[in-house]
Amino acid sequence: MNWKNDAELFELLRSQLYTAIVGDVLDTFGQRRQFLPSRCRPLRPDMVVAGRAMTVLEVDVSQEPEQPFGLMFEALDSLRPQEIYVAAGGSPSYAQWGELMSTSARAHGATGAVLAGMSRDTRGILALDFPVFSYGCYAQDQRGRGQVIAHHVPLDIEGVQVRPGDIVFGDIDGVLVVPRELEVEVINGALEKSRKEKKALNDLAGGSRATEVFKAYGIF
């Protein structure tokens, strides 16, 4: 391993890797359904998110319940350093995340939010420079439209399994999930692949034939 703890691991992901190369390595382990839907995008193109999933299950409601947001505040307060708030289950008819939640999450040491749904307060979140990935920006509040019913539970996001503690990694090309039991092998494999691709890029830039370069470095 090239890291001693989660803080070093996630800094390594942010500084040396990118989702495409990690996704390629996941494929070699037979993990071929690890990317969230392509419409899950960063609020700003240069945003990168890396951390462990703190999963949150949302549902739609037809009227405001006695506890308006359900367990949302409890889930938010449970965030720990190096975690990402990952929410799924609700519809895109309201925002599941905003500036106040981003402020609280960052104060808890969380590294971002990933939503299978909408976010709002975009200008405020951008000013905070807090990484948020969502299906889009939409100002409508979730109060009376959705609520959190559980957290730290497995999620299924359109066929992608996300479990508490799994690694979540996102950049401009998408968001993927690395199963916790494979993280050491996958990340080390991605680092090795990255080293080979840097050499290949240098050779290609120098005019070497693509067929020879790809064969030499096993990049196919």
Protein backbone atom coordinates (compact mmCIF):
# COMPACT_ATOMS: atom_id res chain seq x y z
CA MET A 1 0.00 0.00 0.00
CA ASN A 2 1.10 3.56 -0.68
CA TRP A 3 -0.97 5.02 2.16
CA LYS A 4 -1.15 4.71 5.94
CA ASN A 5 -4.72 5.88 6.60
CA ASP A 6 -7.87 7.09 4.89
CA ALA A 7 -6.73 10.71 4.74
CA GLU A 8 -3.64 9.68 2.76
CA LEU A 9 -5.64 7.28 0.60
CA PHE A 10 -8.18 9.87 -0.47
CA GLU A 11 -5.52 12.50 -1.10
CA LEU A 12 -3.79 9.93 -3.31
CA LEU A 13 -7.02 9.41 -5.26
CA ARG A 14 -7.57 13.13 -5.69
CA SER A 15 -4.01 13.95 -6.72
CA GLN A 16 -2.82 10.93 -8.74
CA LEU A 17 -5.84 9.05 -10.10
CA TYR A 18 -9.03 9.66 -12.02
CA THR A 19 -12.27 7.72 -12.37
CA ALA A 20 -11.60 6.33 -15.84
CA ILE A 21 -8.47 4.47 -14.78
CA VAL A 22 -10.00 3.17 -11.54
CA GLY A 23 -13.06 2.03 -13.49
CA ASP A 24 -10.83 0.14 -15.93
CA VAL A 25 -9.20 -1.74 -13.06
CA LEU A 26 -12.57 -2.53 -11.49
CA ASP A 27 -13.54 -4.14 -14.80
CA THR A 28 -10.58 -6.55 -14.50
CA PHE A 29 -11.97 -7.68 -11.14
CA GLY A 30 -15.34 -8.41 -12.73
CA GLN A 31 -16.89 -5.30 -11.14
CA ARG A 32 -18.57 -3.95 -14.27
CA ARG A 33 -21.49 -2.02 -12.72
CA GLN A 34 -19.67 0.42 -10.45
CA PHE A 35 -20.38 3.79 -12.07
CA LEU A 36 -23.42 5.75 -10.96
CA PRO A 37 -25.70 7.03 -13.76
CA SER A 38 -23.93 9.42 -16.12
CA ARG A 39 -26.25 12.28 -15.15
CA CYS A 40 -24.62 12.43 -11.71
CA ARG A 41 -22.39 15.44 -12.34
CA PRO A 42 -20.22 17.83 -10.30
CA LEU A 43 -21.52 21.33 -9.67
CA ARG A 44 -18.24 22.60 -11.09
CA PRO A 45 -16.07 20.72 -13.62
CA ASP A 46 -12.92 20.73 -11.47
CA MET A 47 -14.60 19.22 -8.40
CA VAL A 48 -13.26 15.88 -7.21
CA VAL A 49 -14.83 13.83 -4.44
CA ALA A 50 -13.20 10.92 -2.60
CA GLY A 51 -14.21 9.29 0.67
CA ARG A 52 -16.21 6.53 2.32
CA ALA A 53 -19.94 6.28 1.74
CA MET A 54 -22.30 7.33 4.51
CA THR A 55 -25.47 6.10 2.86
CA VAL A 56 -28.87 7.76 3.17
CA LEU A 57 -32.23 6.43 1.97
CA GLU A 58 -34.81 9.00 0.88
CA VAL A 59 -38.46 8.48 -0.10
CA ASP A 60 -41.14 10.68 -1.59
CA VAL A 61 -44.11 11.76 0.55
CA SER A 62 -47.44 13.16 -0.53
CA GLN A 63 -47.90 15.41 2.48
CA GLU A 64 -45.74 16.85 5.23
CA PRO A 65 -45.18 14.22 7.95
CA GLU A 66 -44.98 14.94 11.67
CA GLN A 67 -41.19 14.98 11.39
CA PRO A 68 -40.81 17.08 8.20
CA PHE A 69 -37.42 15.84 7.00
CA GLY A 70 -37.48 12.45 8.66
CA LEU A 71 -34.01 11.35 9.78
CA MET A 72 -32.14 13.85 7.62
CA PHE A 73 -30.65 15.85 10.49
CA GLU A 74 -29.73 12.67 12.34
CA ALA A 75 -27.97 11.40 9.22
CA LEU A 76 -26.17 14.70 8.74
CA ASP A 77 -24.99 14.76 12.35
CA SER A 78 -23.65 11.21 12.03
CA LEU A 79 -21.12 12.19 9.35
CA ARG A 80 -17.50 11.52 10.26
CA PRO A 81 -14.21 12.74 8.76
CA GLN A 82 -13.41 11.36 5.28
CA GLU A 83 -17.06 10.35 4.66
CA ILE A 84 -19.38 11.31 1.82
CA TYR A 85 -23.12 11.82 2.21
CA VAL A 86 -24.58 9.49 -0.45
CA ALA A 87 -28.36 9.81 -0.87
CA ALA A 88 -30.74 7.85 -3.07
CA GLY A 89 -34.36 6.76 -3.29
CA GLY A 90 -36.24 10.00 -3.84
CA SER A 91 -37.50 11.54 -7.06
CA PRO A 92 -35.99 14.54 -8.89
CA SER A 93 -38.99 16.70 -7.99
CA TYR A 94 -37.15 18.39 -5.11
CA ALA A 95 -33.64 19.10 -3.86
CA GLN A 96 -32.05 16.69 -1.39
CA TRP A 97 -29.05 18.89 -0.57
CA GLY A 98 -28.18 22.55 -0.11
CA GLU A 99 -25.82 25.14 1.33
CA LEU A 100 -26.74 24.64 5.00
CA MET A 101 -26.19 20.90 4.74
CA SER A 102 -22.86 21.47 2.96
CA THR A 103 -21.75 23.80 5.74
CA SER A 104 -22.63 21.26 8.42
CA ALA A 105 -21.04 18.37 6.54
CA ARG A 106 -17.77 20.21 6.04
CA ALA A 107 -17.67 21.12 9.73
CA HIS A 108 -17.93 17.39 10.51
CA GLY A 109 -14.95 16.66 8.25
CA ALA A 110 -16.98 15.13 5.42
CA THR A 111 -15.41 15.33 1.97
CA GLY A 112 -18.49 15.78 -0.19
CA ALA A 113 -22.03 14.80 -1.12
CA VAL A 114 -23.24 12.52 -3.92
CA LEU A 115 -26.95 12.54 -4.70
CA ALA A 116 -29.06 10.32 -6.90
CA GLY A 117 -31.28 13.38 -7.10
CA MET A 118 -31.18 17.16 -7.14
CA SER A 119 -29.27 19.82 -5.22
CA ARG A 120 -29.88 23.54 -4.70
CA ASP A 121 -28.22 26.69 -3.28
CA THR A 122 -25.63 26.22 -5.98
CA ARG A 123 -23.93 29.60 -5.61
CA GLY A 124 -23.57 29.12 -1.88
CA ILE A 125 -22.13 25.63 -2.25
CA LEU A 126 -19.68 26.83 -4.89
CA ALA A 127 -18.57 29.63 -2.57
CA LEU A 128 -17.90 26.99 0.10
CA ASP A 129 -15.91 24.95 -2.43
CA PHE A 130 -17.56 21.80 -1.11
CA PRO A 131 -17.67 18.93 -3.65
CA VAL A 132 -21.28 18.10 -4.56
CA PHE A 133 -22.36 15.74 -7.33
CA SER A 134 -26.04 15.53 -8.29
CA TYR A 135 -28.47 14.93 -11.14
CA GLY A 136 -28.96 18.68 -11.51
CA CYS A 137 -29.83 21.92 -9.75
CA TYR A 138 -33.41 22.55 -8.68
CA ALA A 139 -34.52 25.00 -5.99
CA GLN A 140 -37.72 23.27 -4.84
CA ASP A 141 -37.49 22.21 -1.19
CA GLN A 142 -37.97 18.62 -0.08
CA ARG A 143 -40.16 19.60 2.88
CA GLY A 144 -43.53 17.95 2.34
CA ARG A 145 -42.18 16.17 -0.75
CA GLY A 146 -39.48 13.84 0.55
CA GLN A 147 -37.86 12.62 3.74
CA VAL A 148 -34.97 10.47 4.92
CA ILE A 149 -36.16 7.15 6.37
CA ALA A 150 -32.82 5.42 7.06
CA HIS A 151 -29.07 5.90 6.98
CA HIS A 152 -26.03 3.61 7.07
CA VAL A 153 -27.97 1.10 4.95
CA PRO A 154 -27.12 -0.51 1.58
CA LEU A 155 -28.35 1.43 -1.45
CA ASP A 156 -29.17 0.33 -4.97
CA ILE A 157 -28.74 3.21 -7.41
CA GLU A 158 -30.01 1.96 -10.76
CA GLY A 159 -28.21 -1.34 -10.34
CA VAL A 160 -25.11 0.04 -8.62
CA GLN A 161 -24.65 -1.25 -5.08
CA VAL A 162 -23.38 1.23 -2.49
CA ARG A 163 -22.69 0.01 1.03
CA PRO A 164 -21.66 2.01 4.08
CA GLY A 165 -17.87 2.29 4.09
CA ASP A 166 -17.36 1.61 0.38
CA ILE A 167 -15.07 4.08 -1.39
CA VAL A 168 -16.83 6.68 -3.52
CA PHE A 169 -14.70 8.53 -6.07
CA GLY A 170 -15.94 11.15 -8.51
CA ASP A 171 -14.62 13.66 -11.02
CA ILE A 172 -15.82 15.32 -14.22
CA ASP A 173 -16.12 11.91 -15.94
CA GLY A 174 -18.44 10.31 -13.38
CA VAL A 175 -18.80 8.79 -9.92
CA LEU A 176 -17.83 5.21 -9.12
CA VAL A 177 -17.93 2.89 -6.12
CA VAL A 178 -15.02 0.68 -5.02
CA PRO A 179 -16.16 -2.21 -2.78
CA ARG A 180 -14.33 -2.05 0.52
CA GLU A 181 -13.03 -5.62 0.28
CA LEU A 182 -11.28 -4.85 -3.03
CA GLU A 183 -9.98 -1.36 -2.33
CA VAL A 184 -6.29 -2.20 -1.76
CA GLU A 185 -5.99 -4.33 -4.90
CA VAL A 186 -8.00 -1.90 -7.04
CA ILE A 187 -6.18 1.27 -5.96
CA ASN A 188 -2.75 -0.33 -6.26
CA GLY A 189 -3.75 -1.67 -9.68
CA ALA A 190 -4.87 1.80 -10.75
CA LEU A 191 -1.59 3.35 -9.60
CA GLU A 192 0.37 0.78 -11.62
CA LYS A 193 -1.84 1.33 -14.68
CA SER A 194 -1.35 5.08 -14.30
CA ARG A 195 2.44 4.67 -14.33
CA LYS A 196 2.24 2.62 -17.53
CA GLU A 197 -0.09 5.09 -19.21
CA LYS A 198 2.24 8.00 -18.44
CA LYS A 199 5.05 6.15 -20.20
CA ALA A 200 2.73 5.31 -23.08
CA LEU A 201 1.70 8.96 -23.41
CA ASN A 202 5.33 9.97 -23.63
CA ASP A 203 6.02 7.39 -26.35
CA LEU A 204 2.91 8.35 -28.33
CA ALA A 205 3.81 12.03 -28.12
CA GLY A 206 7.21 11.13 -29.53
CA GLY A 207 5.63 9.53 -32.58
CA SER A 208 5.74 5.84 -31.66
CA ARG A 209 3.18 3.62 -33.37
CA ALA A 210 0.01 3.14 -31.32
CA THR A 211 -0.05 -0.60 -32.04
CA GLU A 212 3.44 -1.04 -30.60
CA VAL A 213 2.87 1.22 -27.59
CA PHE A 214 -0.40 -0.38 -26.55
CA LYS A 215 1.13 -3.85 -26.88
CA ALA A 216 4.29 -2.89 -24.97
CA TYR A 217 2.41 -1.53 -21.97
CA GLY A 218 -0.56 -3.88 -22.05
CA ILE A 219 -3.03 -1.00 -22.37
CA PHE A 220 -6.05 -2.60 -23.99
